[in-house]
C-alpha atoms as a PDB file:
ATOM      1  CA  MET A   1      42.719   7.434  16.437  1.00  0.00           C
ATOM      2  CA  GLU A   2      40.592   4.308  16.173  1.00  0.00           C
ATOM      3  CA  ILE A   3      39.382   2.751  12.933  1.00  0.00           C
ATOM      4  CA  ARG A   4      35.805   1.490  12.876  1.00  0.00           C
ATOM      5  CA  THR A   5      33.133   0.615  10.321  1.00  0.00           C
ATOM      6  CA  VAL A   6      29.550   1.686   9.745  1.00  0.00           C
ATOM      7  CA  HIS A   7      26.941   0.701   7.145  1.00  0.00           C
ATOM      8  CA  ALA A   8      25.411   3.759   5.458  1.00  0.00           C
ATOM      9  CA  ASN A   9      23.578   4.233   2.154  1.00  0.00           C
ATOM     10  CA  GLY A  10      24.262   0.626   1.173  1.00  0.00           C
ATOM     11  CA  VAL A  11      28.044   0.919   1.647  1.00  0.00           C
ATOM     12  CA  GLU A  12      30.274  -0.409   4.421  1.00  0.00           C
ATOM     13  CA  PHE A  13      32.387   2.618   5.364  1.00  0.00           C
ATOM     14  CA  ALA A  14      35.632   2.438   7.305  1.00  0.00           C
ATOM     15  CA  TYR A  15      36.412   5.554   9.302  1.00  0.00           C
ATOM     16  CA  LEU A  16      38.916   7.052  11.698  1.00  0.00           C
ATOM     17  CA  THR A  17      37.575   8.555  14.894  1.00  0.00           C
ATOM     18  CA  VAL A  18      38.778  10.323  18.008  1.00  0.00           C
ATOM     19  CA  GLY A  19      37.053  12.193  20.824  1.00  0.00           C
ATOM     20  CA  GLU A  20      33.597  12.285  22.379  1.00  0.00           C
ATOM     21  CA  GLY A  21      30.814  14.791  21.802  1.00  0.00           C
ATOM     22  CA  PRO A  22      28.900  16.253  18.848  1.00  0.00           C
ATOM     23  CA  LEU A  23      29.806  14.827  15.456  1.00  0.00           C
ATOM     24  CA  ALA A  24      32.472  16.555  13.347  1.00  0.00           C
ATOM     25  CA  LEU A  25      32.379  14.785   9.985  1.00  0.00           C
ATOM     26  CA  CYS A  26      35.563  15.252   7.893  1.00  0.00           C
ATOM     27  CA  LEU A  27      35.557  14.300   4.190  1.00  0.00           C
ATOM     28  CA  HIS A  28      38.660  13.769   2.056  1.00  0.00           C
ATOM     29  CA  GLY A  29      39.179  14.151  -1.691  1.00  0.00           C
ATOM     30  CA  PHE A  30      41.530  12.868  -4.413  1.00  0.00           C
ATOM     31  CA  PRO A  31      44.219  11.611  -4.354  1.00  0.00           C
ATOM     32  CA  ASP A  32      43.908  11.369  -0.595  1.00  0.00           C
ATOM     33  CA  THR A  33      42.499   9.378   2.310  1.00  0.00           C
ATOM     34  CA  ALA A  34      40.933   9.866   5.727  1.00  0.00           C
ATOM     35  CA  HIS A  35      44.479  10.196   7.124  1.00  0.00           C
ATOM     36  CA  THR A  36      44.608  13.700   5.642  1.00  0.00           C
ATOM     37  CA  TRP A  37      42.726  14.835   8.768  1.00  0.00           C
ATOM     38  CA  ARG A  38      45.377  13.540  11.200  1.00  0.00           C
ATOM     39  CA  HIS A  39      46.237  17.096  12.297  1.00  0.00           C
ATOM     40  CA  LEU A  40      42.696  18.470  12.563  1.00  0.00           C
ATOM     41  CA  MET A  41      40.944  15.529  14.225  1.00  0.00           C
ATOM     42  CA  PRO A  42      42.830  15.630  17.567  1.00  0.00           C
ATOM     43  CA  ALA A  43      42.293  19.403  17.672  1.00  0.00           C
ATOM     44  CA  LEU A  44      38.560  18.902  17.123  1.00  0.00           C
ATOM     45  CA  ALA A  45      38.520  16.302  19.911  1.00  0.00           C
ATOM     46  CA  GLU A  46      40.225  18.759  22.269  1.00  0.00           C
ATOM     47  CA  GLN A  47      37.471  21.247  21.472  1.00  0.00           C
ATOM     48  CA  GLY A  48      34.823  18.723  22.515  1.00  0.00           C
ATOM     49  CA  TYR A  49      33.887  17.077  19.201  1.00  0.00           C
ATOM     50  CA  ARG A  50      33.752  13.442  18.130  1.00  0.00           C
ATOM     51  CA  ALA A  51      35.826  13.725  14.968  1.00  0.00           C
ATOM     52  CA  VAL A  52      35.026  11.153  12.268  1.00  0.00           C
ATOM     53  CA  ALA A  53      36.857  10.846   8.952  1.00  0.00           C
ATOM     54  CA  PRO A  54      35.411   8.203   6.615  1.00  0.00           C
ATOM     55  CA  PHE A  55      37.300   6.697   3.715  1.00  0.00           C
ATOM     56  CA  MET A  56      34.987   7.824   0.914  1.00  0.00           C
ATOM     57  CA  ARG A  57      33.080   5.324  -1.224  1.00  0.00           C
ATOM     58  CA  GLY A  58      35.476   3.118  -3.136  1.00  0.00           C
ATOM     59  CA  TYR A  59      38.560   4.097  -1.120  1.00  0.00           C
ATOM     60  CA  ALA A  60      39.813   1.060   0.824  1.00  0.00           C
ATOM     61  CA  PRO A  61      39.204  -0.035   3.490  1.00  0.00           C
ATOM     62  CA  THR A  62      35.717   1.289   2.627  1.00  0.00           C
ATOM     63  CA  GLU A  63      34.122  -1.092   0.149  1.00  0.00           C
ATOM     64  CA  VAL A  64      33.622  -0.475  -3.541  1.00  0.00           C
ATOM     65  CA  PRO A  65      29.882   0.317  -3.841  1.00  0.00           C
ATOM     66  CA  ALA A  66      27.847  -2.382  -5.519  1.00  0.00           C
ATOM     67  CA  ASP A  67      25.803   0.201  -7.445  1.00  0.00           C
ATOM     68  CA  GLY A  68      28.926   1.700  -9.058  1.00  0.00           C
ATOM     69  CA  ALA A  69      27.550   5.184  -8.439  1.00  0.00           C
ATOM     70  CA  TYR A  70      30.006   8.066  -8.127  1.00  0.00           C
ATOM     71  CA  GLU A  71      27.729  10.926  -9.175  1.00  0.00           C
ATOM     72  CA  SER A  72      27.479  13.905  -6.844  1.00  0.00           C
ATOM     73  CA  GLY A  73      24.055  12.800  -5.628  1.00  0.00           C
ATOM     74  CA  ALA A  74      25.532   9.532  -4.353  1.00  0.00           C
ATOM     75  CA  ILE A  75      28.212  11.370  -2.384  1.00  0.00           C
ATOM     76  CA  VAL A  76      25.611  13.684  -0.851  1.00  0.00           C
ATOM     77  CA  ALA A  77      23.448  10.685   0.063  1.00  0.00           C
ATOM     78  CA  ASP A  78      26.487   9.084   1.711  1.00  0.00           C
ATOM     79  CA  VAL A  79      27.074  12.165   3.844  1.00  0.00           C
ATOM     80  CA  MET A  80      23.498  12.376   5.042  1.00  0.00           C
ATOM     81  CA  ALA A  81      23.394   8.638   5.761  1.00  0.00           C
ATOM     82  CA  LEU A  82      26.675   8.830   7.665  1.00  0.00           C
ATOM     83  CA  ARG A  83      25.339  11.747   9.696  1.00  0.00           C
ATOM     84  CA  GLU A  84      22.323   9.673  10.704  1.00  0.00           C
ATOM     85  CA  GLU A  85      24.155   6.397  11.347  1.00  0.00           C
ATOM     86  CA  LEU A  86      26.842   8.134  13.401  1.00  0.00           C
ATOM     87  CA  GLY A  87      24.287   9.888  15.578  1.00  0.00           C
ATOM     88  CA  GLY A  88      24.739  13.404  14.265  1.00  0.00           C
ATOM     89  CA  ASP A  89      22.181  15.990  15.382  1.00  0.00           C
ATOM     90  CA  GLU A  90      21.711  19.760  15.177  1.00  0.00           C
ATOM     91  CA  SER A  91      25.105  20.204  16.870  1.00  0.00           C
ATOM     92  CA  ALA A  92      27.000  18.332  14.118  1.00  0.00           C
ATOM     93  CA  VAL A  93      29.554  20.135  11.931  1.00  0.00           C
ATOM     94  CA  LEU A  94      30.940  19.259   8.499  1.00  0.00           C
ATOM     95  CA  VAL A  95      34.419  19.723   6.974  1.00  0.00           C
ATOM     96  CA  GLY A  96      35.272  18.759   3.383  1.00  0.00           C
ATOM     97  CA  HIS A  97      38.378  19.032   1.200  1.00  0.00           C
ATOM     98  CA  ASP A  98      38.511  18.700  -2.609  1.00  0.00           C
ATOM     99  CA  TRP A  99      35.798  16.132  -3.521  1.00  0.00           C
ATOM    100  CA  GLY A 100      34.726  16.353   0.098  1.00  0.00           C
ATOM    101  CA  ALA A 101      33.864  20.019  -0.443  1.00  0.00           C
ATOM    102  CA  PHE A 102      31.077  19.254  -2.932  1.00  0.00           C
ATOM    103  CA  PRO A 103      28.627  17.829  -0.364  1.00  0.00           C
ATOM    104  CA  VAL A 104      29.408  20.724   1.971  1.00  0.00           C
ATOM    105  CA  TYR A 105      27.717  23.124  -0.451  1.00  0.00           C
ATOM    106  CA  VAL A 106      24.624  20.918  -0.602  1.00  0.00           C
ATOM    107  CA  CYS A 107      24.378  19.763   3.022  1.00  0.00           C
ATOM    108  CA  ALA A 108      25.371  22.935   4.874  1.00  0.00           C
ATOM    109  CA  ASP A 109      21.789  23.558   5.965  1.00  0.00           C
ATOM    110  CA  ARG A 110      21.807  20.229   7.825  1.00  0.00           C
ATOM    111  CA  PHE A 111      24.868  21.054   9.935  1.00  0.00           C
ATOM    112  CA  ARG A 112      25.429  23.737  12.563  1.00  0.00           C
ATOM    113  CA  ARG A 113      28.438  25.083  10.675  1.00  0.00           C
ATOM    114  CA  SER A 114      30.575  23.814   7.794  1.00  0.00           C
ATOM    115  CA  VAL A 115      34.012  24.251   6.223  1.00  0.00           C
ATOM    116  CA  ALA A 116      35.048  23.673   2.594  1.00  0.00           C
ATOM    117  CA  LEU A 117      38.660  23.608   1.408  1.00  0.00           C
ATOM    118  CA  ALA A 118      40.413  23.861  -1.969  1.00  0.00           C
ATOM    119  CA  VAL A 119      37.414  23.548  -4.337  1.00  0.00           C
ATOM    120  CA  PRO A 120      35.160  26.630  -4.419  1.00  0.00           C
ATOM    121  CA  PRO A 121      31.465  26.469  -5.360  1.00  0.00           C
ATOM    122  CA  THR A 122      30.942  25.319  -8.939  1.00  0.00           C
ATOM    123  CA  PRO A 123      29.796  28.721 -10.306  1.00  0.00           C
ATOM    124  CA  ALA A 124      33.057  30.264  -9.059  1.00  0.00           C
ATOM    125  CA  VAL A 125      35.143  27.499 -10.638  1.00  0.00           C
ATOM    126  CA  LEU A 126      33.410  27.852 -14.006  1.00  0.00           C
ATOM    127  CA  THR A 127      34.421  31.501 -14.329  1.00  0.00           C
ATOM    128  CA  GLY A 128      37.960  30.536 -15.290  1.00  0.00           C
ATOM    129  CA  PHE A 129      38.039  26.781 -15.680  1.00  0.00           C
ATOM    130  CA  LEU A 130      38.390  26.859 -19.475  1.00  0.00           C
ATOM    131  CA  GLU A 131      41.261  29.321 -19.487  1.00  0.00           C
ATOM    132  CA  TYR A 132      44.475  27.849 -20.891  1.00  0.00           C
ATOM    133  CA  GLU A 133      46.532  27.831 -17.681  1.00  0.00           C
ATOM    134  CA  GLN A 134      43.763  26.157 -15.699  1.00  0.00           C
ATOM    135  CA  LEU A 135      43.162  23.586 -18.439  1.00  0.00           C
ATOM    136  CA  LYS A 136      46.821  22.602 -18.155  1.00  0.00           C
ATOM    137  CA  ARG A 137      46.409  22.137 -14.417  1.00  0.00           C
ATOM    138  CA  SER A 138      43.279  20.062 -14.998  1.00  0.00           C
ATOM    139  CA  PHE A 139      44.754  17.657 -17.555  1.00  0.00           C
ATOM    140  CA  TYR A 140      44.107  14.694 -15.264  1.00  0.00           C
ATOM    141  CA  ILE A 141      40.332  15.277 -15.340  1.00  0.00           C
ATOM    142  CA  PHE A 142      40.277  14.782 -19.107  1.00  0.00           C
ATOM    143  CA  LEU A 143      42.754  11.889 -18.952  1.00  0.00           C
ATOM    144  CA  PHE A 144      40.435  10.169 -16.502  1.00  0.00           C
ATOM    145  CA  GLN A 145      37.658  10.103 -19.103  1.00  0.00           C
ATOM    146  CA  THR A 146      39.714   7.714 -21.259  1.00  0.00           C
ATOM    147  CA  ALA A 147      40.603   4.023 -21.197  1.00  0.00           C
ATOM    148  CA  LEU A 148      44.187   5.026 -20.368  1.00  0.00           C
ATOM    149  CA  ALA A 149      43.194   6.420 -16.979  1.00  0.00           C
ATOM    150  CA  GLU A 150      43.898   3.412 -14.772  1.00  0.00           C
ATOM    151  CA  THR A 151      47.187   2.606 -16.490  1.00  0.00           C
ATOM    152  CA  ALA A 152      48.405   6.193 -16.220  1.00  0.00           C
ATOM    153  CA  ALA A 153      47.276   6.674 -12.611  1.00  0.00           C
ATOM    154  CA  SER A 154      48.995   3.460 -11.505  1.00  0.00           C
ATOM    155  CA  THR A 155      52.296   4.434 -13.142  1.00  0.00           C
ATOM    156  CA  PRO A 156      55.044   5.057 -10.569  1.00  0.00           C
ATOM    157  CA  GLY A 157      55.294   8.771  -9.950  1.00  0.00           C
ATOM    158  CA  PHE A 158      51.799   9.792 -11.094  1.00  0.00           C
ATOM    159  CA  ILE A 159      50.239  10.319  -7.653  1.00  0.00           C
ATOM    160  CA  GLU A 160      53.495  11.781  -6.350  1.00  0.00           C
ATOM    161  CA  GLY A 161      53.519  14.181  -9.296  1.00  0.00           C
ATOM    162  CA  LEU A 162      50.024  15.450  -8.529  1.00  0.00           C
ATOM    163  CA  TRP A 163      50.940  16.114  -4.905  1.00  0.00           C
ATOM    164  CA  ARG A 164      54.193  17.794  -5.955  1.00  0.00           C
ATOM    165  CA  ASP A 165      52.466  20.062  -8.481  1.00  0.00           C
ATOM    166  CA  TRP A 166      49.478  20.836  -6.304  1.00  0.00           C
ATOM    167  CA  SER A 167      51.376  21.527  -3.069  1.00  0.00           C
ATOM    168  CA  PRO A 168      54.818  22.828  -4.146  1.00  0.00           C
ATOM    169  CA  GLY A 169      57.570  22.278  -1.603  1.00  0.00           C
ATOM    170  CA  TYR A 170      55.567  19.954   0.651  1.00  0.00           C
ATOM    171  CA  ASP A 171      57.005  16.508   1.489  1.00  0.00           C
ATOM    172  CA  ALA A 172      54.040  14.277   0.654  1.00  0.00           C
ATOM    173  CA  ALA A 173      55.766  10.899   1.122  1.00  0.00           C
ATOM    174  CA  GLN A 174      53.538   9.823   4.023  1.00  0.00           C
ATOM    175  CA  ASP A 175      50.339  10.986   2.337  1.00  0.00           C
ATOM    176  CA  VAL A 176      51.247   9.290  -0.947  1.00  0.00           C
ATOM    177  CA  GLU A 177      51.879   6.027   0.894  1.00  0.00           C
ATOM    178  CA  PHE A 178      48.426   6.235   2.468  1.00  0.00           C
ATOM    179  CA  VAL A 179      46.953   6.725  -1.018  1.00  0.00           C
ATOM    180  CA  ARG A 180      48.909   3.788  -2.443  1.00  0.00           C
ATOM    181  CA  GLN A 181      47.561   1.527   0.278  1.00  0.00           C
ATOM    182  CA  SER A 182      43.982   2.719  -0.240  1.00  0.00           C
ATOM    183  CA  LEU A 183      44.029   2.438  -4.044  1.00  0.00           C
ATOM    184  CA  ALA A 184      46.296  -0.605  -4.372  1.00  0.00           C
ATOM    185  CA  ARG A 185      43.555  -2.825  -5.785  1.00  0.00           C
ATOM    186  CA  PRO A 186      42.438  -2.080  -9.360  1.00  0.00           C
ATOM    187  CA  ALA A 187      38.796  -1.875  -8.251  1.00  0.00           C
ATOM    188  CA  ASN A 188      39.608   0.887  -5.759  1.00  0.00           C
ATOM    189  CA  LEU A 189      41.609   2.874  -8.301  1.00  0.00           C
ATOM    190  CA  THR A 190      38.769   2.608 -10.818  1.00  0.00           C
ATOM    191  CA  ALA A 191      36.391   3.791  -8.095  1.00  0.00           C
ATOM    192  CA  ALA A 192      38.479   6.891  -7.389  1.00  0.00           C
ATOM    193  CA  ILE A 193      38.615   7.685 -11.104  1.00  0.00           C
ATOM    194  CA  GLY A 194      34.878   7.026 -11.296  1.00  0.00           C
ATOM    195  CA  TYR A 195      34.133  10.306  -9.507  1.00  0.00           C
ATOM    196  CA  TYR A 196      35.635  12.172 -12.471  1.00  0.00           C
ATOM    197  CA  ARG A 197      33.920  10.033 -15.089  1.00  0.00           C
ATOM    198  CA  ALA A 198      30.595  10.733 -13.435  1.00  0.00           C
ATOM    199  CA  MET A 199      31.400  14.446 -13.168  1.00  0.00           C
ATOM    200  CA  LEU A 200      31.741  14.931 -16.933  1.00  0.00           C
ATOM    201  CA  GLY A 201      29.081  12.394 -17.898  1.00  0.00           C
ATOM    202  CA  THR A 202      31.420   9.748 -19.331  1.00  0.00           C
ATOM    203  CA  THR A 203      29.637   7.418 -16.926  1.00  0.00           C
ATOM    204  CA  PRO A 204      25.901   8.190 -17.154  1.00  0.00           C
ATOM    205  CA  PRO A 205      23.960   8.848 -13.932  1.00  0.00           C
ATOM    206  CA  THR A 206      22.528   5.734 -12.341  1.00  0.00           C
ATOM    207  CA  GLY A 207      19.161   7.416 -11.842  1.00  0.00           C
ATOM    208  CA  ARG A 208      19.166   6.381  -8.199  1.00  0.00           C
ATOM    209  CA  TYR A 209      19.991   9.828  -6.849  1.00  0.00           C
ATOM    210  CA  PRO A 210      18.420  13.213  -7.547  1.00  0.00           C
ATOM    211  CA  SER A 211      20.675  16.005  -8.773  1.00  0.00           C
ATOM    212  CA  PRO A 212      21.661  17.941  -5.650  1.00  0.00           C
ATOM    213  CA  GLU A 213      21.026  21.672  -5.326  1.00  0.00           C
ATOM    214  CA  PRO A 214      23.209  24.075  -3.316  1.00  0.00           C
ATOM    215  CA  ALA A 215      21.904  24.820   0.145  1.00  0.00           C
ATOM    216  CA  ALA A 216      20.391  28.303   0.452  1.00  0.00           C
ATOM    217  CA  THR A 217      21.222  28.484   4.149  1.00  0.00           C
ATOM    218  CA  GLY A 218      23.965  27.219   6.421  1.00  0.00           C
ATOM    219  CA  GLU A 219      27.143  29.121   7.247  1.00  0.00           C
ATOM    220  CA  ILE A 220      30.276  27.948   5.410  1.00  0.00           C
ATOM    221  CA  LEU A 221      33.925  28.893   5.884  1.00  0.00           C
ATOM    222  CA  TYR A 222      35.821  28.534   2.601  1.00  0.00           C
ATOM    223  CA  LEU A 223      39.633  28.162   2.638  1.00  0.00           C
ATOM    224  CA  HIS A 224      41.981  28.155  -0.370  1.00  0.00           C
ATOM    225  CA  GLY A 225      45.776  28.040  -0.554  1.00  0.00           C
ATOM    226  CA  LEU A 226      47.365  30.894  -2.486  1.00  0.00           C
ATOM    227  CA  ARG A 227      49.917  28.467  -3.995  1.00  0.00           C
ATOM    228  CA  ASP A 228      47.334  25.870  -5.047  1.00  0.00           C
ATOM    229  CA  GLY A 229      48.641  24.104  -8.156  1.00  0.00           C
ATOM    230  CA  CYS A 230      45.414  22.229  -8.820  1.00  0.00           C
ATOM    231  CA  LEU A 231      42.849  25.026  -8.871  1.00  0.00           C
ATOM    232  CA  SER A 232      44.264  28.533  -9.170  1.00  0.00           C
ATOM    233  CA  ALA A 233      43.574  30.834  -6.247  1.00  0.00           C
ATOM    234  CA  ASP A 234      42.096  33.215  -8.835  1.00  0.00           C
ATOM    235  CA  LEU A 235      39.122  30.846  -9.130  1.00  0.00           C
ATOM    236  CA  ALA A 236      38.410  31.312  -5.439  1.00  0.00           C
ATOM    237  CA  LYS A 237      38.281  35.118  -5.481  1.00  0.00           C
ATOM    238  CA  ASN A 238      34.498  35.178  -5.917  1.00  0.00           C
ATOM    239  CA  ALA A 239      33.749  32.142  -3.767  1.00  0.00           C
ATOM    240  CA  LEU A 240      32.006  34.167  -1.078  1.00  0.00           C
ATOM    241  CA  SER A 241      29.414  35.519  -3.517  1.00  0.00           C
ATOM    242  CA  HIS A 242      28.250  31.947  -4.139  1.00  0.00           C
ATOM    243  CA  LEU A 243      27.967  30.934  -0.485  1.00  0.00           C
ATOM    244  CA  PRO A 244      24.929  31.277   1.837  1.00  0.00           C
ATOM    245  CA  PRO A 245      24.522  34.404   3.976  1.00  0.00           C
ATOM    246  CA  GLY A 246      26.783  34.517   6.998  1.00  0.00           C
ATOM    247  CA  SER A 247      29.584  32.599   5.273  1.00  0.00           C
ATOM    248  CA  ARG A 248      33.244  33.608   5.098  1.00  0.00           C
ATOM    249  CA  ALA A 249      36.170  33.021   2.703  1.00  0.00           C
ATOM    250  CA  GLU A 250      39.903  33.137   3.473  1.00  0.00           C
ATOM    251  CA  GLN A 251      43.029  32.523   1.406  1.00  0.00           C
ATOM    252  CA  VAL A 252      46.006  30.909   3.135  1.00  0.00           C
ATOM    253  CA  ALA A 253      49.414  32.293   2.170  1.00  0.00           C
ATOM    254  CA  GLY A 254      52.224  29.825   1.563  1.00  0.00           C
ATOM    255  CA  ALA A 255      49.856  26.877   1.160  1.00  0.00           C
ATOM    256  CA  GLY A 256      48.905  24.792  -1.841  1.00  0.00           C
ATOM    257  CA  HIS A 257      46.019  22.431  -2.537  1.00  0.00           C
ATOM    258  CA  PHE A 258      46.486  20.256   0.557  1.00  0.00           C
ATOM    259  CA  LEU A 259      46.625  23.247   2.857  1.00  0.00           C
ATOM    260  CA  HIS A 260      45.397  21.371   5.933  1.00  0.00           C
ATOM    261  CA  VAL A 261      48.523  19.146   5.973  1.00  0.00           C
ATOM    262  CA  GLU A 262      50.888  21.835   4.683  1.00  0.00           C
ATOM    263  CA  ARG A 263      49.946  24.522   7.217  1.00  0.00           C
ATOM    264  CA  PRO A 264      48.111  22.557   9.934  1.00  0.00           C
ATOM    265  CA  ALA A 265      48.541  25.064  12.767  1.00  0.00           C
ATOM    266  CA  GLU A 266      47.125  27.967  10.763  1.00  0.00           C
ATOM    267  CA  VAL A 267      44.362  25.976   9.081  1.00  0.00           C
ATOM    268  CA  ASN A 268      43.354  24.315  12.348  1.00  0.00           C
ATOM    269  CA  ARG A 269      43.100  27.738  13.992  1.00  0.00           C
ATOM    270  CA  LEU A 270      40.883  29.094  11.207  1.00  0.00           C
ATOM    271  CA  ILE A 271      38.618  26.046  11.318  1.00  0.00           C
ATOM    272  CA  LEU A 272      38.365  25.837  15.104  1.00  0.00           C
ATOM    273  CA  ASP A 273      37.691  29.567  15.453  1.00  0.00           C
ATOM    274  CA  TRP A 274      34.912  29.230  12.880  1.00  0.00           C
ATOM    275  CA  LEU A 275      33.306  26.114  14.357  1.00  0.00           C
ATOM    276  CA  GLY A 276      33.716  27.203  17.968  1.00  0.00           C
ATOM    277  CA  PRO A 277      33.564  24.806  20.914  1.00  0.00           C
ATOM    278  CA  ALA A 278      31.251  21.816  20.633  1.00  0.00           C
ATOM    279  CA  SER A 279      27.785  22.605  21.896  1.00  0.00           C
END
């Protein structure tokens, strides 16, 4: 895979790419990088797509955005700007994991087909988010609202611990090293935490981006690991009822939160069958 750069929505994005054909835009989450798509991207290329995985705003080697915006509207604006700058058209497809899933629910009507992984639509999440067991899993979200966030997240073992808890039994050494490289500078780590501070309003909206609304159309495949230690699979049971008509939801046995690197053969098959050959 090659690494290139593109200027979109006022940010210089670095991205991995492989293949030629219609755009397949792949979005990573936290704590992760574009390398999370190393299994899917070659498979997409074989199916005739130009697979592109950007390092999301603030994740090196993408620059830290000058506007300091990490609200959901900024991420959606990034996705639409990347689609345009990378030459995406009506044949383009979208795949998002974790934070990368949020823009899928908003932008699905602008892509031929889409896939979201590991974070169901917000209404589905809210049904059980405040239950005790889920609150324990989500401790990091509340920690990230405090001044201790950067110190805690940079402590040896913190990122490894999240991967270990979220994807039990998976050897995440390579993925954790990618994350360490991407978030090595304090500014990049603060940027990654900034998504969570914006989510709960600790950092007020910049006012530059409208609040995004879920797309009413656009077919989405939703995938969730049954052993997910970040968001319980129970929260995904009603995901399909919150997706546009024609969508589909599947749970992947034996997989945790990072299901696309834990069970790449199975997850690739589900995604490629859903997207179909590039057209």
